[in-house]
């Protein structure tokens, strides 16, 4: 904030540190939505992307930052987890919809998900869902007590299906 304040003051704007802080923190939801829209546009126009992540300890907890970009853009997003589902969520840029398509089912098989779970999802007539609760929980998958969480696995696979279907990879 001090650097931003100094830069703006050097440019002739009389601005206080508190005003800079308000500008950076007031409409966080709007800035997040704007960042997601920019990422969608960047991914749609990119012929390639590179991805990297790093972790850091802050306040006694480890957090992660994922960077997605190429020669024309860089997008940073912080989160508390580092996993495929989190990465696919980054690529979906805030779009919560799930798509159960061939790519999603191939992904489930590669991760060796339960055959009955895959069949239950494949036999269900709808293949596009507004969010996880709209379908996966409704099928009773969240009530299953198995080692590999079927809701998480199916959500990850359906996100992967969405990433591929929307042309983001």
N, C-alpha and C. Protein backbone atom coordinates (compact mmCIF):
# COMPACT_ATOMS: atom_id res chain seq x y z
N UNK A 1 0.82 -1.19 0.00
CA UNK A 1 0.00 0.00 0.00
C UNK A 1 0.87 1.26 0.00
N UNK A 2 1.98 1.19 0.72
CA UNK A 2 2.86 2.37 0.76
C UNK A 2 3.40 2.69 -0.64
N UNK A 3 3.75 1.64 -1.38
CA UNK A 3 4.27 1.86 -2.73
C UNK A 3 3.20 2.41 -3.66
N UNK A 4 1.99 1.89 -3.56
CA UNK A 4 0.89 2.40 -4.39
C UNK A 4 0.61 3.85 -4.04
N UNK A 5 0.57 4.15 -2.75
CA UNK A 5 0.34 5.52 -2.30
C UNK A 5 1.43 6.44 -2.84
N UNK A 6 2.69 6.01 -2.73
CA UNK A 6 3.80 6.83 -3.22
C UNK A 6 3.71 7.03 -4.72
N UNK A 7 3.38 5.98 -5.45
CA UNK A 7 3.25 6.08 -6.91
C UNK A 7 2.15 7.07 -7.29
N UNK A 8 1.00 6.96 -6.64
CA UNK A 8 -0.11 7.87 -6.95
C UNK A 8 0.20 9.30 -6.52
N UNK A 9 0.85 9.46 -5.39
CA UNK A 9 1.23 10.81 -4.95
C UNK A 9 2.25 11.43 -5.91
N UNK A 10 3.20 10.61 -6.38
CA UNK A 10 4.20 11.10 -7.35
C UNK A 10 3.54 11.49 -8.67
N UNK A 11 2.41 10.86 -8.98
CA UNK A 11 1.69 11.18 -10.21
C UNK A 11 0.78 12.39 -10.03
N UNK A 12 0.80 12.98 -8.84
CA UNK A 12 0.03 14.20 -8.61
C UNK A 12 -1.30 13.99 -7.92
N UNK A 13 -1.60 12.76 -7.53
CA UNK A 13 -2.85 12.49 -6.81
C UNK A 13 -2.58 12.54 -5.32
N UNK A 14 -3.26 13.39 -4.62
CA UNK A 14 -3.14 13.44 -3.16
C UNK A 14 -4.03 12.37 -2.57
N UNK A 15 -3.47 11.24 -2.22
CA UNK A 15 -4.28 10.12 -1.75
C UNK A 15 -3.66 9.59 -0.46
N UNK A 16 -4.50 9.18 0.47
CA UNK A 16 -4.01 8.67 1.75
C UNK A 16 -3.87 7.15 1.68
N UNK A 17 -3.10 6.62 2.61
CA UNK A 17 -2.92 5.17 2.71
C UNK A 17 -4.26 4.49 2.98
N UNK A 18 -5.08 5.10 3.81
CA UNK A 18 -6.41 4.54 4.11
C UNK A 18 -7.29 4.47 2.87
N UNK A 19 -7.22 5.49 2.01
CA UNK A 19 -8.00 5.48 0.77
C UNK A 19 -7.51 4.35 -0.14
N UNK A 20 -6.21 4.16 -0.22
CA UNK A 20 -5.67 3.05 -1.02
C UNK A 20 -6.17 1.73 -0.47
N UNK A 21 -6.15 1.59 0.86
CA UNK A 21 -6.63 0.35 1.48
C UNK A 21 -8.10 0.11 1.14
N UNK A 22 -8.92 1.14 1.23
CA UNK A 22 -10.34 0.99 0.89
C UNK A 22 -10.50 0.57 -0.57
N UNK A 23 -9.72 1.19 -1.46
CA UNK A 23 -9.81 0.86 -2.88
C UNK A 23 -9.48 -0.61 -3.14
N UNK A 24 -8.55 -1.14 -2.36
CA UNK A 24 -8.12 -2.52 -2.55
C UNK A 24 -9.03 -3.55 -1.88
N UNK A 25 -9.80 -3.14 -0.88
CA UNK A 25 -10.57 -4.12 -0.11
C UNK A 25 -12.08 -3.95 -0.14
N UNK A 26 -12.60 -2.82 -0.65
CA UNK A 26 -14.04 -2.58 -0.58
C UNK A 26 -14.87 -3.55 -1.39
N UNK A 27 -14.59 -3.68 -2.67
CA UNK A 27 -15.42 -4.50 -3.54
C UNK A 27 -14.67 -5.75 -3.97
N UNK A 28 -14.30 -6.58 -2.98
CA UNK A 28 -13.53 -7.78 -3.28
C UNK A 28 -14.33 -8.71 -4.19
N UNK A 29 -15.62 -8.88 -3.94
CA UNK A 29 -16.43 -9.78 -4.77
C UNK A 29 -16.44 -9.32 -6.22
N UNK A 30 -16.53 -8.03 -6.43
CA UNK A 30 -16.50 -7.50 -7.79
C UNK A 30 -15.17 -7.73 -8.46
N UNK A 31 -14.09 -7.58 -7.69
CA UNK A 31 -12.76 -7.81 -8.26
C UNK A 31 -12.54 -9.29 -8.57
N UNK A 32 -13.05 -10.17 -7.71
CA UNK A 32 -12.92 -11.61 -7.96
C UNK A 32 -13.69 -11.98 -9.22
N UNK A 33 -14.91 -11.46 -9.37
CA UNK A 33 -15.71 -11.74 -10.56
C UNK A 33 -15.01 -11.22 -11.81
N UNK A 34 -14.44 -10.03 -11.72
CA UNK A 34 -13.73 -9.47 -12.86
C UNK A 34 -12.50 -10.31 -13.21
N UNK A 35 -11.76 -10.77 -12.21
CA UNK A 35 -10.59 -11.61 -12.44
C UNK A 35 -10.98 -12.92 -13.12
N UNK A 36 -12.13 -13.49 -12.73
CA UNK A 36 -12.60 -14.72 -13.36
C UNK A 36 -12.96 -14.49 -14.83
N UNK A 37 -13.62 -13.38 -15.11
CA UNK A 37 -13.98 -13.08 -16.50
C UNK A 37 -12.74 -12.85 -17.36
N UNK A 38 -11.75 -12.19 -16.79
CA UNK A 38 -10.49 -11.96 -17.51
C UNK A 38 -9.81 -13.30 -17.77
N UNK A 39 -9.78 -14.18 -16.75
CA UNK A 39 -9.16 -15.49 -16.94
C UNK A 39 -9.88 -16.28 -18.03
N UNK A 40 -11.22 -16.26 -18.04
CA UNK A 40 -11.97 -16.95 -19.09
C UNK A 40 -11.56 -16.46 -20.46
N UNK A 41 -11.49 -15.13 -20.64
CA UNK A 41 -11.10 -14.56 -21.92
C UNK A 41 -9.67 -14.93 -22.28
N UNK A 42 -8.77 -14.88 -21.29
CA UNK A 42 -7.38 -15.24 -21.55
C UNK A 42 -7.25 -16.69 -21.97
N UNK A 43 -7.94 -17.60 -21.27
CA UNK A 43 -7.86 -19.01 -21.61
C UNK A 43 -8.48 -19.29 -22.98
N UNK A 44 -9.54 -18.57 -23.30
CA UNK A 44 -10.21 -18.78 -24.60
C UNK A 44 -9.30 -18.35 -25.76
N UNK A 45 -8.46 -17.35 -25.54
CA UNK A 45 -7.63 -16.85 -26.62
C UNK A 45 -6.23 -17.44 -26.63
N UNK A 46 -5.87 -18.21 -25.62
CA UNK A 46 -4.51 -18.74 -25.50
C UNK A 46 -4.33 -20.01 -26.32
N UNK A 47 -3.25 -20.08 -27.04
CA UNK A 47 -2.94 -21.32 -27.76
C UNK A 47 -2.18 -22.29 -26.86
N UNK A 48 -1.64 -21.77 -25.75
CA UNK A 48 -0.97 -22.61 -24.77
C UNK A 48 -0.94 -21.89 -23.43
N UNK A 49 -0.84 -22.66 -22.35
CA UNK A 49 -0.68 -22.08 -21.03
C UNK A 49 0.34 -22.90 -20.25
N UNK A 50 1.01 -22.24 -19.34
CA UNK A 50 1.90 -22.90 -18.40
C UNK A 50 1.28 -22.74 -17.01
N UNK A 51 1.53 -23.70 -16.16
CA UNK A 51 0.95 -23.69 -14.82
C UNK A 51 2.05 -24.00 -13.81
N UNK A 52 2.03 -23.30 -12.71
CA UNK A 52 2.97 -23.58 -11.63
C UNK A 52 2.29 -23.21 -10.32
N UNK A 53 2.78 -23.77 -9.26
CA UNK A 53 2.24 -23.39 -7.95
C UNK A 53 3.36 -23.38 -6.93
N UNK A 54 3.08 -22.72 -5.84
CA UNK A 54 4.03 -22.63 -4.75
C UNK A 54 3.25 -22.60 -3.45
N UNK A 55 3.94 -22.90 -2.37
CA UNK A 55 3.27 -22.84 -1.07
C UNK A 55 4.06 -21.93 -0.14
N UNK A 56 3.38 -21.43 0.86
CA UNK A 56 4.01 -20.57 1.87
C UNK A 56 3.23 -20.68 3.17
N UNK A 57 3.94 -20.55 4.25
CA UNK A 57 3.31 -20.58 5.57
C UNK A 57 2.94 -19.16 5.96
N UNK A 58 1.71 -18.98 6.40
CA UNK A 58 1.25 -17.68 6.88
C UNK A 58 0.31 -17.91 8.03
N UNK A 59 0.58 -17.29 9.14
CA UNK A 59 -0.27 -17.45 10.32
C UNK A 59 -0.32 -18.89 10.82
N UNK A 60 0.78 -19.62 10.65
CA UNK A 60 0.83 -21.00 11.12
C UNK A 60 0.16 -22.00 10.19
N UNK A 61 -0.32 -21.57 9.05
CA UNK A 61 -0.99 -22.47 8.09
C UNK A 61 -0.30 -22.37 6.74
N UNK A 62 -0.30 -23.47 6.01
CA UNK A 62 0.28 -23.46 4.68
C UNK A 62 -0.82 -23.11 3.68
N UNK A 63 -0.51 -22.19 2.79
CA UNK A 63 -1.41 -21.81 1.71
C UNK A 63 -0.70 -22.00 0.38
N UNK A 64 -1.45 -21.98 -0.69
CA UNK A 64 -0.90 -22.25 -2.02
C UNK A 64 -1.30 -21.14 -2.98
N UNK A 65 -0.43 -20.88 -3.91
CA UNK A 65 -0.71 -19.92 -4.96
C UNK A 65 -0.46 -20.62 -6.30
N UNK A 66 -1.45 -20.63 -7.17
CA UNK A 66 -1.34 -21.21 -8.49
C UNK A 66 -1.23 -20.10 -9.51
N UNK A 67 -0.26 -20.23 -10.41
CA UNK A 67 -0.08 -19.26 -11.49
C UNK A 67 -0.39 -19.96 -12.80
N UNK A 68 -1.26 -19.35 -13.60
CA UNK A 68 -1.62 -19.85 -14.92
C UNK A 68 -1.31 -18.71 -15.89
N UNK A 69 -0.63 -19.01 -16.98
CA UNK A 69 -0.34 -17.92 -17.92
C UNK A 69 0.45 -18.36 -19.13
N UNK A 70 0.78 -17.38 -19.94
CA UNK A 70 1.65 -17.57 -21.10
C UNK A 70 2.35 -16.24 -21.36
N UNK A 71 2.81 -16.02 -22.60
CA UNK A 71 3.51 -14.77 -22.90
C UNK A 71 2.61 -13.53 -22.79
N UNK A 72 1.30 -13.72 -22.85
CA UNK A 72 0.36 -12.59 -22.89
C UNK A 72 -0.37 -12.31 -21.58
N UNK A 73 -0.43 -13.26 -20.68
CA UNK A 73 -1.15 -13.02 -19.43
C UNK A 73 -0.61 -13.91 -18.32
N UNK A 74 -0.86 -13.50 -17.10
CA UNK A 74 -0.58 -14.32 -15.92
C UNK A 74 -1.73 -14.13 -14.94
N UNK A 75 -2.23 -15.23 -14.44
CA UNK A 75 -3.33 -15.21 -13.47
C UNK A 75 -2.84 -15.91 -12.21
N UNK A 76 -2.99 -15.27 -11.06
CA UNK A 76 -2.62 -15.85 -9.78
C UNK A 76 -3.88 -16.09 -8.96
N UNK A 77 -3.92 -17.23 -8.28
CA UNK A 77 -5.03 -17.49 -7.38
C UNK A 77 -4.53 -18.25 -6.16
N UNK A 78 -4.90 -17.77 -5.00
CA UNK A 78 -4.49 -18.40 -3.75
C UNK A 78 -5.60 -19.30 -3.23
N UNK A 79 -5.20 -20.35 -2.51
CA UNK A 79 -6.18 -21.25 -1.90
C UNK A 79 -5.54 -21.99 -0.75
N UNK A 80 -6.36 -22.71 -0.02
CA UNK A 80 -5.88 -23.48 1.13
C UNK A 80 -5.48 -24.90 0.74
N UNK A 81 -5.78 -25.33 -0.48
CA UNK A 81 -5.50 -26.71 -0.88
C UNK A 81 -4.73 -26.76 -2.19
N UNK A 82 -4.04 -27.87 -2.38
CA UNK A 82 -3.31 -28.12 -3.62
C UNK A 82 -3.73 -29.51 -4.08
N UNK A 83 -4.59 -29.57 -5.07
CA UNK A 83 -5.07 -30.84 -5.57
C UNK A 83 -5.61 -30.64 -6.98
N UNK A 84 -5.89 -31.74 -7.67
CA UNK A 84 -6.42 -31.65 -9.04
C UNK A 84 -7.75 -30.91 -9.07
N UNK A 85 -8.64 -31.21 -8.12
CA UNK A 85 -9.94 -30.54 -8.10
C UNK A 85 -9.77 -29.04 -7.99
N UNK A 86 -8.89 -28.58 -7.13
CA UNK A 86 -8.64 -27.16 -6.98
C UNK A 86 -8.11 -26.57 -8.29
N UNK A 87 -7.19 -27.27 -8.95
CA UNK A 87 -6.65 -26.80 -10.22
C UNK A 87 -7.75 -26.73 -11.28
N UNK A 88 -8.60 -27.76 -11.37
CA UNK A 88 -9.70 -27.73 -12.34
C UNK A 88 -10.66 -26.59 -12.03
N UNK A 89 -10.89 -26.32 -10.74
CA UNK A 89 -11.72 -25.18 -10.36
C UNK A 89 -11.11 -23.87 -10.89
N UNK A 90 -9.79 -23.74 -10.78
CA UNK A 90 -9.11 -22.56 -11.33
C UNK A 90 -9.43 -22.42 -12.82
N UNK A 91 -9.29 -23.52 -13.56
CA UNK A 91 -9.51 -23.47 -15.00
C UNK A 91 -10.96 -23.20 -15.36
N UNK A 92 -11.89 -23.57 -14.47
CA UNK A 92 -13.31 -23.29 -14.73
C UNK A 92 -13.65 -21.84 -14.44
N UNK A 93 -12.76 -21.11 -13.81
CA UNK A 93 -12.88 -19.66 -13.58
C UNK A 93 -14.23 -19.26 -12.98
N UNK A 94 -14.64 -19.98 -11.92
CA UNK A 94 -15.85 -19.61 -11.21
C UNK A 94 -17.13 -20.25 -11.72
N UNK A 95 -17.06 -20.96 -12.83
CA UNK A 95 -18.24 -21.63 -13.37
C UNK A 95 -18.42 -22.95 -12.63
N UNK A 96 -19.49 -23.06 -11.85
CA UNK A 96 -19.70 -24.22 -10.98
C UNK A 96 -20.32 -25.42 -11.69
N UNK A 97 -20.70 -25.26 -12.94
CA UNK A 97 -21.39 -26.37 -13.63
C UNK A 97 -20.50 -27.60 -13.77
N UNK A 98 -21.12 -28.75 -13.74
CA UNK A 98 -20.44 -30.02 -13.94
C UNK A 98 -20.94 -30.65 -15.23
N UNK A 99 -20.05 -31.31 -15.94
CA UNK A 99 -20.43 -31.98 -17.18
C UNK A 99 -19.94 -33.42 -17.11
N UNK A 100 -20.86 -34.36 -17.21
CA UNK A 100 -20.51 -35.77 -17.27
C UNK A 100 -20.51 -36.18 -18.74
N UNK A 101 -19.33 -36.21 -19.31
CA UNK A 101 -19.17 -36.58 -20.72
C UNK A 101 -18.14 -37.71 -20.79
N UNK A 102 -17.76 -38.10 -22.02
CA UNK A 102 -16.79 -39.20 -22.18
C UNK A 102 -15.48 -38.91 -21.46
N UNK A 103 -15.02 -37.66 -21.53
CA UNK A 103 -13.76 -37.29 -20.86
C UNK A 103 -13.88 -37.47 -19.35
N UNK A 104 -15.03 -37.11 -18.78
CA UNK A 104 -15.24 -37.26 -17.34
C UNK A 104 -15.22 -38.74 -16.95
N UNK A 105 -15.90 -39.57 -17.72
CA UNK A 105 -15.94 -41.01 -17.40
C UNK A 105 -14.57 -41.65 -17.61
N UNK A 106 -13.83 -41.24 -18.63
CA UNK A 106 -12.46 -41.74 -18.82
C UNK A 106 -11.59 -41.37 -17.63
N UNK A 107 -11.76 -40.14 -17.14
CA UNK A 107 -10.99 -39.68 -15.98
C UNK A 107 -11.34 -40.52 -14.75
N UNK A 108 -12.61 -40.83 -14.56
CA UNK A 108 -13.01 -41.67 -13.42
C UNK A 108 -12.37 -43.05 -13.51
N UNK A 109 -12.35 -43.61 -14.71
CA UNK A 109 -11.75 -44.94 -14.87
C UNK A 109 -10.25 -44.90 -14.63
N UNK A 110 -9.57 -43.85 -15.10
CA UNK A 110 -8.13 -43.72 -14.87
C UNK A 110 -7.82 -43.63 -13.38
N UNK A 111 -8.70 -43.00 -12.63
CA UNK A 111 -8.51 -42.87 -11.19
C UNK A 111 -9.03 -44.10 -10.43
N UNK A 112 -9.47 -45.09 -11.20
CA UNK A 112 -10.00 -46.35 -10.67
C UNK A 112 -11.13 -46.14 -9.66
N UNK A 113 -12.10 -45.33 -10.04
CA UNK A 113 -13.28 -45.17 -9.20
C UNK A 113 -14.14 -46.41 -9.30
N UNK A 114 -14.99 -46.58 -8.34
CA UNK A 114 -15.86 -47.74 -8.23
C UNK A 114 -16.76 -47.88 -9.46
N UNK A 115 -16.82 -49.10 -9.98
CA UNK A 115 -17.68 -49.39 -11.13
C UNK A 115 -19.14 -49.05 -10.89
N UNK A 116 -19.72 -49.41 -9.73
CA UNK A 116 -21.12 -49.06 -9.48
C UNK A 116 -21.36 -47.54 -9.46
N UNK A 117 -20.42 -46.79 -8.95
CA UNK A 117 -20.57 -45.33 -8.93
C UNK A 117 -20.54 -44.79 -10.35
N UNK A 118 -19.60 -45.27 -11.16
CA UNK A 118 -19.52 -44.82 -12.55
C UNK A 118 -20.79 -45.19 -13.30
N UNK A 119 -21.29 -46.42 -13.09
CA UNK A 119 -22.53 -46.83 -13.75
C UNK A 119 -23.72 -45.98 -13.32
N UNK A 120 -23.81 -45.68 -12.03
CA UNK A 120 -24.92 -44.84 -11.53
C UNK A 120 -24.88 -43.47 -12.20
N UNK A 121 -23.69 -42.90 -12.34
CA UNK A 121 -23.56 -41.60 -12.99
C UNK A 121 -23.85 -41.70 -14.49
N UNK A 122 -23.37 -42.76 -15.13
CA UNK A 122 -23.56 -42.93 -16.57
C UNK A 122 -25.02 -43.18 -16.91
N UNK A 123 -25.74 -43.90 -16.03
CA UNK A 123 -27.14 -44.23 -16.30
C UNK A 123 -28.09 -43.06 -16.04
N UNK A 124 -27.63 -42.07 -15.29
CA UNK A 124 -28.49 -40.93 -14.99
C UNK A 124 -28.71 -40.13 -16.26
N UNK A 125 -29.95 -39.75 -16.59
CA UNK A 125 -30.22 -39.11 -17.89
C UNK A 125 -29.59 -37.73 -18.07
N UNK A 126 -29.48 -36.96 -17.02
CA UNK A 126 -28.90 -35.61 -17.16
C UNK A 126 -27.38 -35.70 -17.13
N UNK A 127 -26.73 -34.90 -17.94
CA UNK A 127 -25.26 -34.90 -17.99
C UNK A 127 -24.66 -33.53 -17.68
N UNK A 128 -25.49 -32.50 -17.52
CA UNK A 128 -25.02 -31.15 -17.21
C UNK A 128 -25.75 -30.70 -15.96
N UNK A 129 -25.00 -30.22 -14.97
CA UNK A 129 -25.58 -29.86 -13.69
C UNK A 129 -25.06 -28.51 -13.24
N UNK A 130 -25.90 -27.70 -12.59
CA UNK A 130 -25.47 -26.37 -12.19
C UNK A 130 -24.39 -26.38 -11.10
N UNK A 131 -24.36 -27.42 -10.27
CA UNK A 131 -23.35 -27.53 -9.22
C UNK A 131 -23.36 -28.94 -8.66
N UNK A 132 -22.45 -29.23 -7.77
CA UNK A 132 -22.29 -30.57 -7.22
C UNK A 132 -23.54 -31.04 -6.49
N UNK A 133 -24.13 -30.19 -5.67
CA UNK A 133 -25.29 -30.60 -4.88
C UNK A 133 -26.47 -30.97 -5.76
N UNK A 134 -26.57 -30.37 -6.93
CA UNK A 134 -27.70 -30.63 -7.81
C UNK A 134 -27.73 -32.06 -8.31
N UNK A 135 -26.63 -32.74 -8.29
CA UNK A 135 -26.63 -34.09 -8.85
C UNK A 135 -25.95 -35.11 -7.95
N UNK A 136 -24.69 -34.90 -7.66
CA UNK A 136 -23.92 -35.93 -6.99
C UNK A 136 -24.47 -36.26 -5.61
N UNK A 137 -24.81 -35.25 -4.82
CA UNK A 137 -25.38 -35.50 -3.51
C UNK A 137 -26.78 -36.14 -3.66
N UNK A 138 -27.50 -35.72 -4.68
CA UNK A 138 -28.85 -36.24 -4.92
C UNK A 138 -28.86 -37.71 -5.26
N UNK A 139 -27.78 -38.24 -5.80
CA UNK A 139 -27.70 -39.66 -6.12
C UNK A 139 -27.35 -40.51 -4.89
N UNK A 140 -27.10 -39.87 -3.78
CA UNK A 140 -26.75 -40.61 -2.57
C UNK A 140 -25.27 -40.92 -2.45
N UNK A 141 -24.46 -40.34 -3.32
CA UNK A 141 -23.02 -40.63 -3.27
C UNK A 141 -22.38 -40.10 -1.99
N UNK A 142 -22.90 -39.01 -1.46
CA UNK A 142 -22.29 -38.45 -0.25
C UNK A 142 -22.52 -39.33 0.97
N UNK A 143 -23.48 -40.25 0.89
CA UNK A 143 -23.76 -41.13 2.03
C UNK A 143 -22.85 -42.37 2.02
N UNK A 144 -22.16 -42.62 0.91
CA UNK A 144 -21.29 -43.79 0.83
C UNK A 144 -20.06 -43.59 1.71
N UNK A 145 -19.67 -44.64 2.41
CA UNK A 145 -18.46 -44.58 3.24
C UNK A 145 -17.44 -45.52 2.65
N UNK A 146 -16.71 -45.04 1.67
CA UNK A 146 -15.66 -45.82 1.02
C UNK A 146 -14.37 -45.01 1.07
N UNK A 147 -13.26 -45.70 0.87
CA UNK A 147 -11.95 -45.06 1.01
C UNK A 147 -11.76 -43.92 0.03
N UNK A 148 -12.04 -44.13 -1.22
CA UNK A 148 -11.94 -43.06 -2.21
C UNK A 148 -13.28 -42.33 -2.25
N UNK A 149 -13.31 -41.08 -1.82
CA UNK A 149 -14.55 -40.31 -1.73
C UNK A 149 -15.20 -40.19 -3.11
N UNK A 150 -16.35 -40.84 -3.32
CA UNK A 150 -16.97 -40.82 -4.64
C UNK A 150 -17.47 -39.44 -5.06
N UNK A 151 -17.90 -38.62 -4.12
CA UNK A 151 -18.37 -37.28 -4.47
C UNK A 151 -17.20 -36.43 -4.96
N UNK A 152 -16.12 -36.47 -4.25
CA UNK A 152 -14.93 -35.71 -4.66
C UNK A 152 -14.41 -36.20 -6.02
N UNK A 153 -14.32 -37.52 -6.16
CA UNK A 153 -13.83 -38.09 -7.42
C UNK A 153 -14.73 -37.76 -8.60
N UNK A 154 -16.03 -37.89 -8.40
CA UNK A 154 -16.97 -37.58 -9.48
C UNK A 154 -16.97 -36.09 -9.78
N UNK A 155 -16.85 -35.26 -8.75
CA UNK A 155 -16.79 -33.81 -8.96
C UNK A 155 -15.54 -33.45 -9.75
N UNK A 156 -14.42 -34.01 -9.36
CA UNK A 156 -13.16 -33.74 -10.07
C UNK A 156 -13.28 -34.16 -11.53
N UNK A 157 -13.82 -35.35 -11.76
CA UNK A 157 -13.95 -35.84 -13.13
C UNK A 157 -14.91 -35.00 -13.94
N UNK A 158 -16.02 -34.59 -13.33
CA UNK A 158 -16.99 -33.76 -14.05
C UNK A 158 -16.42 -32.37 -14.33
N UNK A 159 -15.57 -31.87 -13.44
CA UNK A 159 -14.88 -30.59 -13.70
C UNK A 159 -13.93 -30.76 -14.89
N UNK A 160 -13.19 -31.88 -14.90
CA UNK A 160 -12.28 -32.17 -16.01
C UNK A 160 -13.08 -32.24 -17.32
N UNK A 161 -14.23 -32.90 -17.28
CA UNK A 161 -15.09 -32.96 -18.46
C UNK A 161 -15.49 -31.57 -18.92
N UNK A 162 -15.79 -30.68 -17.97
CA UNK A 162 -16.17 -29.32 -18.31
C UNK A 162 -14.99 -28.55 -18.90
N UNK A 163 -13.81 -28.70 -18.30
CA UNK A 163 -12.61 -28.01 -18.81
C UNK A 163 -12.38 -28.40 -20.27
N UNK A 164 -12.47 -29.68 -20.57
CA UNK A 164 -12.23 -30.12 -21.95
C UNK A 164 -13.34 -29.67 -22.90
N UNK A 165 -14.60 -29.79 -22.45
CA UNK A 165 -15.72 -29.44 -23.32
C UNK A 165 -15.77 -27.94 -23.64
N UNK A 166 -15.32 -27.12 -22.70
CA UNK A 166 -15.36 -25.68 -22.93
C UNK A 166 -14.11 -25.18 -23.64
N UNK A 167 -13.20 -26.11 -24.00
CA UNK A 167 -12.03 -25.72 -24.76
C UNK A 167 -10.96 -25.01 -23.96
N UNK A 168 -10.97 -25.19 -22.66
CA UNK A 168 -9.97 -24.50 -21.83
C UNK A 168 -8.66 -25.28 -21.77
N UNK A 169 -8.62 -26.47 -22.32
CA UNK A 169 -7.38 -27.25 -22.41
C UNK A 169 -7.29 -27.82 -23.81
